[in-house]
């Protein structure tokens, strides 16, 4: 994903930010057909045109000139993206992975739905409904990721198992935290156009981040291997809770493997 061509990058980011070809072509002062051909790699555009498009997409103009190796730049605004929609083998959290490929550290906040909003079944099972992710790249950019549909926000927790694998295998250091959103913030994120950097930025000063320790024991490695093979559903807070519980000796290795196979949480 990291080595996308310019036309692939512009199309990828445009789709993630939910902008149409008409939106972008109008903002850039070009025809829809010109943008269509550019995205397909069938035509090129002038650098000045690309830089005009870049502003609307939070793409770094210096990346176009080859003066920067990092494709994003919006240090005063909020870069809002939608979770990827696709087949079963396509990760919902691809935007997060893409940003992580360019960074040494990501601070990631799981935004949890308020109590009066959470799905009753989720509460009964003791699960967390992660309705959005907020993360910063340490370069002044703040990203917000949620499901594409307004009325049926995707439970991003479905992507947590693959996220944990990506974190453990990534060259990027992840620091994670959770924040239980109030209804005001939940509604703003749901409305999407209303949510701004001023709503999200304070959260990074309010939560306590924990760095993900990528040095796992043999038992933990076996647990993750079995989990990968089972493609288990996330039935605990996070896969990391299981690992941390093993380290704290709250549960045994055998109990963890039994949990994976039975899909019943052993966490006290």
C-alpha atoms as a PDB file:
ATOM      1  CA  UNK A   1       0.000   0.000   0.000  1.00  0.00           C
ATOM      2  CA  UNK A   2       2.814   2.439   0.810  1.00  0.00           C
ATOM      3  CA  UNK A   3       4.159   2.635  -2.734  1.00  0.00           C
ATOM      4  CA  UNK A   4       1.008   3.898  -4.409  1.00  0.00           C
ATOM      5  CA  UNK A   5       1.412   5.959  -7.561  1.00  0.00           C
ATOM      6  CA  UNK A   6       0.033   9.509  -7.413  1.00  0.00           C
ATOM      7  CA  UNK A   7      -3.128   8.587  -9.269  1.00  0.00           C
ATOM      8  CA  UNK A   8      -3.683   5.587  -6.973  1.00  0.00           C
ATOM      9  CA  UNK A   9      -3.051   7.720  -3.878  1.00  0.00           C
ATOM     10  CA  UNK A  10      -5.480  10.434  -4.931  1.00  0.00           C
ATOM     11  CA  UNK A  11      -8.194   7.894  -5.720  1.00  0.00           C
ATOM     12  CA  UNK A  12      -7.571   5.952  -2.482  1.00  0.00           C
ATOM     13  CA  UNK A  13      -7.768   9.072  -0.300  1.00  0.00           C
ATOM     14  CA  UNK A  14     -10.737  10.503  -2.199  1.00  0.00           C
ATOM     15  CA  UNK A  15     -12.726   7.335  -1.614  1.00  0.00           C
ATOM     16  CA  UNK A  16     -11.721   7.139   2.051  1.00  0.00           C
ATOM     17  CA  UNK A  17     -12.790  10.722   2.667  1.00  0.00           C
ATOM     18  CA  UNK A  18     -16.118  10.106   0.951  1.00  0.00           C
ATOM     19  CA  UNK A  19     -15.676  12.699  -1.779  1.00  0.00           C
ATOM     20  CA  UNK A  20     -17.045  12.059  -5.237  1.00  0.00           C
ATOM     21  CA  UNK A  21     -15.186  12.552  -8.492  1.00  0.00           C
ATOM     22  CA  UNK A  22     -17.517  15.453  -9.208  1.00  0.00           C
ATOM     23  CA  UNK A  23     -16.612  17.091  -5.867  1.00  0.00           C
ATOM     24  CA  UNK A  24     -12.872  16.854  -6.508  1.00  0.00           C
ATOM     25  CA  UNK A  25     -12.925  17.750 -10.200  1.00  0.00           C
ATOM     26  CA  UNK A  26     -15.064  20.826  -9.497  1.00  0.00           C
ATOM     27  CA  UNK A  27     -12.740  21.970  -6.708  1.00  0.00           C
ATOM     28  CA  UNK A  28      -9.726  21.501  -8.992  1.00  0.00           C
ATOM     29  CA  UNK A  29     -11.364  23.263 -11.952  1.00  0.00           C
ATOM     30  CA  UNK A  30     -11.074  20.278 -14.271  1.00  0.00           C
ATOM     31  CA  UNK A  31     -13.628  18.109 -16.021  1.00  0.00           C
ATOM     32  CA  UNK A  32     -14.983  14.951 -14.510  1.00  0.00           C
ATOM     33  CA  UNK A  33     -13.600  13.037 -17.475  1.00  0.00           C
ATOM     34  CA  UNK A  34     -10.078  14.395 -16.848  1.00  0.00           C
ATOM     35  CA  UNK A  35     -10.163  13.191 -13.235  1.00  0.00           C
ATOM     36  CA  UNK A  36     -11.584   9.828 -14.286  1.00  0.00           C
ATOM     37  CA  UNK A  37      -8.717   9.279 -16.721  1.00  0.00           C
ATOM     38  CA  UNK A  38      -6.160  10.419 -14.125  1.00  0.00           C
ATOM     39  CA  UNK A  39      -7.436   8.003 -11.489  1.00  0.00           C
ATOM     40  CA  UNK A  40      -7.297   5.170 -14.018  1.00  0.00           C
ATOM     41  CA  UNK A  41      -3.700   6.079 -14.879  1.00  0.00           C
ATOM     42  CA  UNK A  42      -4.681   6.945 -18.440  1.00  0.00           C
ATOM     43  CA  UNK A  43      -3.736  10.632 -18.244  1.00  0.00           C
ATOM     44  CA  UNK A  44      -1.570  12.966 -16.189  1.00  0.00           C
ATOM     45  CA  UNK A  45      -2.431  16.298 -14.589  1.00  0.00           C
ATOM     46  CA  UNK A  46      -0.314  19.409 -14.081  1.00  0.00           C
ATOM     47  CA  UNK A  47       1.378  19.739 -10.706  1.00  0.00           C
ATOM     48  CA  UNK A  48      -0.542  22.936 -10.004  1.00  0.00           C
ATOM     49  CA  UNK A  49      -3.802  21.063 -10.565  1.00  0.00           C
ATOM     50  CA  UNK A  50      -2.689  18.201  -8.323  1.00  0.00           C
ATOM     51  CA  UNK A  51      -1.728  20.637  -5.565  1.00  0.00           C
ATOM     52  CA  UNK A  52      -5.155  22.227  -5.793  1.00  0.00           C
ATOM     53  CA  UNK A  53      -6.760  18.817  -5.431  1.00  0.00           C
ATOM     54  CA  UNK A  54      -4.364  17.931  -2.620  1.00  0.00           C
ATOM     55  CA  UNK A  55      -5.663  20.670  -0.313  1.00  0.00           C
ATOM     56  CA  UNK A  56      -9.214  19.297  -0.465  1.00  0.00           C
ATOM     57  CA  UNK A  57      -7.930  15.776   0.297  1.00  0.00           C
ATOM     58  CA  UNK A  58      -5.423  16.728   3.051  1.00  0.00           C
ATOM     59  CA  UNK A  59      -2.620  15.431   0.829  1.00  0.00           C
ATOM     60  CA  UNK A  60       0.767  17.065   1.324  1.00  0.00           C
ATOM     61  CA  UNK A  61       1.618  19.282  -1.703  1.00  0.00           C
ATOM     62  CA  UNK A  62       5.329  18.627  -1.046  1.00  0.00           C
ATOM     63  CA  UNK A  63       4.677  14.911  -1.533  1.00  0.00           C
ATOM     64  CA  UNK A  64       3.695  15.693  -5.118  1.00  0.00           C
ATOM     65  CA  UNK A  65       7.010  17.492  -5.696  1.00  0.00           C
ATOM     66  CA  UNK A  66       8.972  14.668  -4.101  1.00  0.00           C
ATOM     67  CA  UNK A  67      10.130  17.034  -1.337  1.00  0.00           C
ATOM     68  CA  UNK A  68       8.398  15.000   1.354  1.00  0.00           C
ATOM     69  CA  UNK A  69       8.016  11.257   1.859  1.00  0.00           C
ATOM     70  CA  UNK A  70       4.800  11.694   3.834  1.00  0.00           C
ATOM     71  CA  UNK A  71       1.495  12.042   1.936  1.00  0.00           C
ATOM     72  CA  UNK A  72      -0.684  13.800   4.546  1.00  0.00           C
ATOM     73  CA  UNK A  73      -0.739  17.390   5.717  1.00  0.00           C
ATOM     74  CA  UNK A  74      -3.553  19.082   7.619  1.00  0.00           C
ATOM     75  CA  UNK A  75      -2.108  20.274  10.959  1.00  0.00           C
ATOM     76  CA  UNK A  76      -4.992  22.645  11.711  1.00  0.00           C
ATOM     77  CA  UNK A  77      -7.946  20.529  10.608  1.00  0.00           C
ATOM     78  CA  UNK A  78      -9.315  17.032  11.075  1.00  0.00           C
ATOM     79  CA  UNK A  79      -8.690  14.343   8.466  1.00  0.00           C
ATOM     80  CA  UNK A  80     -11.935  12.380   8.392  1.00  0.00           C
ATOM     81  CA  UNK A  81     -12.013   8.978   6.738  1.00  0.00           C
ATOM     82  CA  UNK A  82     -14.487   6.135   6.416  1.00  0.00           C
ATOM     83  CA  UNK A  83     -13.766   2.520   7.232  1.00  0.00           C
ATOM     84  CA  UNK A  84     -13.011   0.503   4.117  1.00  0.00           C
ATOM     85  CA  UNK A  85     -15.944  -1.372   2.629  1.00  0.00           C
ATOM     86  CA  UNK A  86     -15.255  -4.524   0.704  1.00  0.00           C
ATOM     87  CA  UNK A  87     -15.051  -8.283   0.822  1.00  0.00           C
ATOM     88  CA  UNK A  88     -14.299 -10.458   3.793  1.00  0.00           C
ATOM     89  CA  UNK A  89     -10.552 -10.326   3.164  1.00  0.00           C
ATOM     90  CA  UNK A  90     -10.458  -6.525   3.024  1.00  0.00           C
ATOM     91  CA  UNK A  91      -9.820  -4.878   6.361  1.00  0.00           C
ATOM     92  CA  UNK A  92     -12.176  -2.206   7.636  1.00  0.00           C
ATOM     93  CA  UNK A  93      -9.165  -0.486   9.188  1.00  0.00           C
ATOM     94  CA  UNK A  94      -7.045  -0.171   6.050  1.00  0.00           C
ATOM     95  CA  UNK A  95      -6.828   3.640   6.413  1.00  0.00           C
ATOM     96  CA  UNK A  96      -5.164   3.232   9.814  1.00  0.00           C
ATOM     97  CA  UNK A  97      -2.685   0.667   8.496  1.00  0.00           C
ATOM     98  CA  UNK A  98      -1.841   2.910   5.557  1.00  0.00           C
ATOM     99  CA  UNK A  99      -1.002   5.865   7.789  1.00  0.00           C
ATOM    100  CA  UNK A 100       1.014   3.619  10.124  1.00  0.00           C
ATOM    101  CA  UNK A 101       3.242   2.519   7.238  1.00  0.00           C
ATOM    102  CA  UNK A 102       4.696   6.043   7.100  1.00  0.00           C
ATOM    103  CA  UNK A 103       5.141   6.581  10.836  1.00  0.00           C
ATOM    104  CA  UNK A 104       7.247   5.417  13.765  1.00  0.00           C
ATOM    105  CA  UNK A 105       4.441   5.926  16.287  1.00  0.00           C
ATOM    106  CA  UNK A 106       0.648   6.161  16.262  1.00  0.00           C
ATOM    107  CA  UNK A 107      -1.445   7.247  19.255  1.00  0.00           C
ATOM    108  CA  UNK A 108      -4.802   5.506  18.855  1.00  0.00           C
ATOM    109  CA  UNK A 109      -8.034   6.072  20.792  1.00  0.00           C
ATOM    110  CA  UNK A 110     -10.923   3.606  20.625  1.00  0.00           C
ATOM    111  CA  UNK A 111     -14.103   5.673  20.911  1.00  0.00           C
ATOM    112  CA  UNK A 112     -16.756   3.700  22.789  1.00  0.00           C
ATOM    113  CA  UNK A 113     -20.470   4.392  22.394  1.00  0.00           C
ATOM    114  CA  UNK A 114     -22.246   5.913  25.424  1.00  0.00           C
ATOM    115  CA  UNK A 115     -24.269   3.628  27.683  1.00  0.00           C
ATOM    116  CA  UNK A 116     -27.636   4.823  26.456  1.00  0.00           C
ATOM    117  CA  UNK A 117     -26.624   4.226  22.829  1.00  0.00           C
ATOM    118  CA  UNK A 118     -24.867   0.875  23.049  1.00  0.00           C
ATOM    119  CA  UNK A 119     -26.561  -2.116  21.527  1.00  0.00           C
ATOM    120  CA  UNK A 120     -28.290  -4.071  24.315  1.00  0.00           C
ATOM    121  CA  UNK A 121     -26.816  -7.368  23.143  1.00  0.00           C
ATOM    122  CA  UNK A 122     -23.319  -5.907  23.287  1.00  0.00           C
ATOM    123  CA  UNK A 123     -23.871  -4.742  26.870  1.00  0.00           C
ATOM    124  CA  UNK A 124     -25.251  -8.122  27.868  1.00  0.00           C
ATOM    125  CA  UNK A 125     -22.173  -9.870  26.494  1.00  0.00           C
ATOM    126  CA  UNK A 126     -19.871  -7.341  28.116  1.00  0.00           C
ATOM    127  CA  UNK A 127     -18.531  -6.117  24.778  1.00  0.00           C
ATOM    128  CA  UNK A 128     -17.403  -2.671  23.748  1.00  0.00           C
ATOM    129  CA  UNK A 129     -19.055  -1.009  20.786  1.00  0.00           C
ATOM    130  CA  UNK A 130     -16.187   0.852  19.134  1.00  0.00           C
ATOM    131  CA  UNK A 131     -18.008   3.229  16.807  1.00  0.00           C
ATOM    132  CA  UNK A 132     -15.001   5.320  15.759  1.00  0.00           C
ATOM    133  CA  UNK A 133     -11.210   5.536  15.995  1.00  0.00           C
ATOM    134  CA  UNK A 134      -9.194   8.700  16.524  1.00  0.00           C
ATOM    135  CA  UNK A 135      -5.457   8.678  15.948  1.00  0.00           C
ATOM    136  CA  UNK A 136      -2.560  11.059  15.522  1.00  0.00           C
ATOM    137  CA  UNK A 137       0.659  10.580  13.589  1.00  0.00           C
ATOM    138  CA  UNK A 138       2.870  12.858  15.686  1.00  0.00           C
ATOM    139  CA  UNK A 139       3.239  15.228  12.725  1.00  0.00           C
ATOM    140  CA  UNK A 140       0.375  17.502  13.676  1.00  0.00           C
ATOM    141  CA  UNK A 141      -2.277  15.502  11.842  1.00  0.00           C
ATOM    142  CA  UNK A 142      -5.322  14.084  13.608  1.00  0.00           C
ATOM    143  CA  UNK A 143      -7.432  11.427  11.894  1.00  0.00           C
ATOM    144  CA  UNK A 144     -10.970  10.276  12.620  1.00  0.00           C
ATOM    145  CA  UNK A 145     -12.272   6.972  11.250  1.00  0.00           C
ATOM    146  CA  UNK A 146     -15.834   5.680  11.417  1.00  0.00           C
ATOM    147  CA  UNK A 147     -18.266   3.558   9.479  1.00  0.00           C
ATOM    148  CA  UNK A 148     -19.587   4.978   6.219  1.00  0.00           C
ATOM    149  CA  UNK A 149     -23.287   4.776   7.073  1.00  0.00           C
ATOM    150  CA  UNK A 150     -24.696   7.481   9.317  1.00  0.00           C
ATOM    151  CA  UNK A 151     -27.680   5.651  10.779  1.00  0.00           C
ATOM    152  CA  UNK A 152     -25.962   2.295  11.174  1.00  0.00           C
ATOM    153  CA  UNK A 153     -22.474   3.081  12.397  1.00  0.00           C
ATOM    154  CA  UNK A 154     -20.171   0.150  11.800  1.00  0.00           C
ATOM    155  CA  UNK A 155     -18.977  -1.534  14.962  1.00  0.00           C
ATOM    156  CA  UNK A 156     -15.263  -1.143  14.307  1.00  0.00           C
ATOM    157  CA  UNK A 157     -14.540  -3.785  16.944  1.00  0.00           C
ATOM    158  CA  UNK A 158     -15.046  -6.381  14.207  1.00  0.00           C
ATOM    159  CA  UNK A 159     -11.631  -5.387  12.915  1.00  0.00           C
ATOM    160  CA  UNK A 160      -9.843  -5.682  16.263  1.00  0.00           C
ATOM    161  CA  UNK A 161      -8.339  -9.186  15.810  1.00  0.00           C
ATOM    162  CA  UNK A 162      -6.666  -8.246  12.538  1.00  0.00           C
ATOM    163  CA  UNK A 163      -5.691  -4.894  14.050  1.00  0.00           C
ATOM    164  CA  UNK A 164      -3.841  -6.622  16.873  1.00  0.00           C
ATOM    165  CA  UNK A 165      -1.943  -8.796  14.388  1.00  0.00           C
ATOM    166  CA  UNK A 166      -1.020  -5.714  12.373  1.00  0.00           C
ATOM    167  CA  UNK A 167       0.148  -3.900  15.502  1.00  0.00           C
ATOM    168  CA  UNK A 168       2.310  -6.793  16.635  1.00  0.00           C
ATOM    169  CA  UNK A 169       3.832  -7.216  13.175  1.00  0.00           C
ATOM    170  CA  UNK A 170       4.164  -3.510  12.331  1.00  0.00           C
ATOM    171  CA  UNK A 171       7.349  -1.458  12.463  1.00  0.00           C
ATOM    172  CA  UNK A 172       5.238   1.353  13.900  1.00  0.00           C
ATOM    173  CA  UNK A 173       4.894   1.724  17.678  1.00  0.00           C
ATOM    174  CA  UNK A 174       1.254   1.894  18.764  1.00  0.00           C
ATOM    175  CA  UNK A 175       0.024   3.516  21.956  1.00  0.00           C
ATOM    176  CA  UNK A 176      -3.641   2.797  22.622  1.00  0.00           C
ATOM    177  CA  UNK A 177      -6.347   4.177  24.875  1.00  0.00           C
ATOM    178  CA  UNK A 178     -10.120   4.069  25.241  1.00  0.00           C
ATOM    179  CA  UNK A 179     -12.594   6.900  25.673  1.00  0.00           C
ATOM    180  CA  UNK A 180     -16.265   6.497  26.461  1.00  0.00           C
ATOM    181  CA  UNK A 181     -17.927   9.191  24.394  1.00  0.00           C
ATOM    182  CA  UNK A 182     -20.860  11.190  25.683  1.00  0.00           C
ATOM    183  CA  UNK A 183     -23.954  11.555  23.535  1.00  0.00           C
ATOM    184  CA  UNK A 184     -22.871  15.025  22.382  1.00  0.00           C
ATOM    185  CA  UNK A 185     -19.639  13.718  20.838  1.00  0.00           C
ATOM    186  CA  UNK A 186     -21.345  10.580  19.559  1.00  0.00           C
ATOM    187  CA  UNK A 187     -23.978  12.658  17.751  1.00  0.00           C
ATOM    188  CA  UNK A 188     -21.345  14.991  16.307  1.00  0.00           C
ATOM    189  CA  UNK A 189     -19.363  12.089  14.893  1.00  0.00           C
ATOM    190  CA  UNK A 190     -22.543  10.545  13.586  1.00  0.00           C
ATOM    191  CA  UNK A 191     -23.446  13.828  11.845  1.00  0.00           C
ATOM    192  CA  UNK A 192     -19.874  13.796  10.475  1.00  0.00           C
ATOM    193  CA  UNK A 193     -19.850  17.213   8.831  1.00  0.00           C
ATOM    194  CA  UNK A 194     -20.221  18.875  12.239  1.00  0.00           C
ATOM    195  CA  UNK A 195     -17.326  17.175  14.010  1.00  0.00           C
ATOM    196  CA  UNK A 196     -14.080  19.162  14.032  1.00  0.00           C
ATOM    197  CA  UNK A 197     -10.526  19.033  15.300  1.00  0.00           C
ATOM    198  CA  UNK A 198     -11.635  21.018  18.361  1.00  0.00           C
ATOM    199  CA  UNK A 199     -13.912  18.107  19.323  1.00  0.00           C
ATOM    200  CA  UNK A 200     -11.245  15.405  18.990  1.00  0.00           C
ATOM    201  CA  UNK A 201      -7.898  16.984  19.890  1.00  0.00           C
ATOM    202  CA  UNK A 202      -8.619  17.403  23.653  1.00  0.00           C
ATOM    203  CA  UNK A 203      -9.148  13.640  23.961  1.00  0.00           C
ATOM    204  CA  UNK A 204      -5.451  13.008  23.350  1.00  0.00           C
ATOM    205  CA  UNK A 205      -4.674  14.997  26.522  1.00  0.00           C
ATOM    206  CA  UNK A 206      -7.409  13.374  28.614  1.00  0.00           C
ATOM    207  CA  UNK A 207      -6.770   9.655  28.099  1.00  0.00           C
ATOM    208  CA  UNK A 208      -3.959   7.479  29.394  1.00  0.00           C
ATOM    209  CA  UNK A 209      -2.072   5.725  26.602  1.00  0.00           C
ATOM    210  CA  UNK A 210      -0.448   2.312  26.960  1.00  0.00           C
ATOM    211  CA  UNK A 211       2.252   1.321  24.528  1.00  0.00           C
ATOM    212  CA  UNK A 212       1.740  -2.077  22.946  1.00  0.00           C
ATOM    213  CA  UNK A 213       4.539  -4.391  23.959  1.00  0.00           C
ATOM    214  CA  UNK A 214       5.435  -6.385  20.856  1.00  0.00           C
ATOM    215  CA  UNK A 215       7.687  -8.804  22.698  1.00  0.00           C
ATOM    216  CA  UNK A 216       5.396 -11.746  23.250  1.00  0.00           C
ATOM    217  CA  UNK A 217       6.118 -15.016  24.957  1.00  0.00           C
ATOM    218  CA  UNK A 218       5.941 -18.427  23.290  1.00  0.00           C
ATOM    219  CA  UNK A 219       2.559 -19.039  24.934  1.00  0.00           C
ATOM    220  CA  UNK A 220       1.236 -15.707  23.682  1.00  0.00           C
ATOM    221  CA  UNK A 221       2.594 -16.446  20.224  1.00  0.00           C
ATOM    222  CA  UNK A 222       0.776 -19.780  20.190  1.00  0.00           C
ATOM    223  CA  UNK A 223      -2.406 -18.098  21.369  1.00  0.00           C
ATOM    224  CA  UNK A 224      -2.237 -15.545  18.553  1.00  0.00           C
ATOM    225  CA  UNK A 225      -1.471 -18.268  16.036  1.00  0.00           C
ATOM    226  CA  UNK A 226      -4.547 -20.245  17.057  1.00  0.00           C
ATOM    227  CA  UNK A 227      -6.621 -17.082  17.014  1.00  0.00           C
ATOM    228  CA  UNK A 228      -5.453 -16.241  13.511  1.00  0.00           C
ATOM    229  CA  UNK A 229      -6.332 -19.728  12.322  1.00  0.00           C
ATOM    230  CA  UNK A 230      -9.745 -19.567  13.962  1.00  0.00           C
ATOM    231  CA  UNK A 231     -10.362 -15.969  12.752  1.00  0.00           C
ATOM    232  CA  UNK A 232     -12.221 -15.584  16.026  1.00  0.00           C
ATOM    233  CA  UNK A 233     -14.694 -12.808  16.691  1.00  0.00           C
ATOM    234  CA  UNK A 234     -13.655 -10.190  19.266  1.00  0.00           C
ATOM    235  CA  UNK A 235     -15.562 -11.277  22.379  1.00  0.00           C
ATOM    236  CA  UNK A 236     -13.390  -9.474  24.910  1.00  0.00           C
ATOM    237  CA  UNK A 237     -12.548  -5.781  25.209  1.00  0.00           C
ATOM    238  CA  UNK A 238      -9.554  -6.273  22.936  1.00  0.00           C
ATOM    239  CA  UNK A 239      -7.288  -9.141  22.094  1.00  0.00           C
ATOM    240  CA  UNK A 240      -4.702  -7.255  24.140  1.00  0.00           C
ATOM    241  CA  UNK A 241      -6.812  -7.750  27.266  1.00  0.00           C
ATOM    242  CA  UNK A 242      -6.223 -11.469  26.932  1.00  0.00           C
ATOM    243  CA  UNK A 243      -2.486 -11.044  26.579  1.00  0.00           C
ATOM    244  CA  UNK A 244      -2.322  -8.604  29.489  1.00  0.00           C
ATOM    245  CA  UNK A 245      -4.432 -10.933  31.630  1.00  0.00           C
ATOM    246  CA  UNK A 246      -2.016 -13.770  30.909  1.00  0.00           C
ATOM    247  CA  UNK A 247       0.879 -11.570  31.987  1.00  0.00           C
ATOM    248  CA  UNK A 248      -0.952 -10.655  35.190  1.00  0.00           C
ATOM    249  CA  UNK A 249      -1.643 -14.374  35.737  1.00  0.00           C
ATOM    250  CA  UNK A 250      -5.379 -13.803  35.840  1.00  0.00           C
ATOM    251  CA  UNK A 251      -5.865 -16.657  33.404  1.00  0.00           C
ATOM    252  CA  UNK A 252      -3.703 -19.562  32.317  1.00  0.00           C
ATOM    253  CA  UNK A 253      -2.440 -20.299  28.840  1.00  0.00           C
ATOM    254  CA  UNK A 254      -4.759 -23.341  28.661  1.00  0.00           C
ATOM    255  CA  UNK A 255      -7.731 -21.175  29.640  1.00  0.00           C
ATOM    256  CA  UNK A 256      -6.885 -18.686  26.912  1.00  0.00           C
ATOM    257  CA  UNK A 257      -6.732 -21.398  24.253  1.00  0.00           C
ATOM    258  CA  UNK A 258     -10.004 -22.798  25.565  1.00  0.00           C
ATOM    259  CA  UNK A 259     -11.511 -19.297  25.274  1.00  0.00           C
ATOM    260  CA  UNK A 260     -10.404 -19.004  21.652  1.00  0.00           C
ATOM    261  CA  UNK A 261     -11.894 -22.344  20.712  1.00  0.00           C
ATOM    262  CA  UNK A 262     -15.122 -21.928  22.698  1.00  0.00           C
ATOM    263  CA  UNK A 263     -15.504 -18.160  22.168  1.00  0.00           C
ATOM    264  CA  UNK A 264     -16.330 -17.741  25.888  1.00  0.00           C
ATOM    265  CA  UNK A 265     -14.277 -15.162  27.722  1.00  0.00           C
ATOM    266  CA  UNK A 266     -12.181 -16.403  30.673  1.00  0.00           C
ATOM    267  CA  UNK A 267     -11.473 -12.843  31.818  1.00  0.00           C
ATOM    268  CA  UNK A 268     -12.700 -12.313  35.407  1.00  0.00           C
END
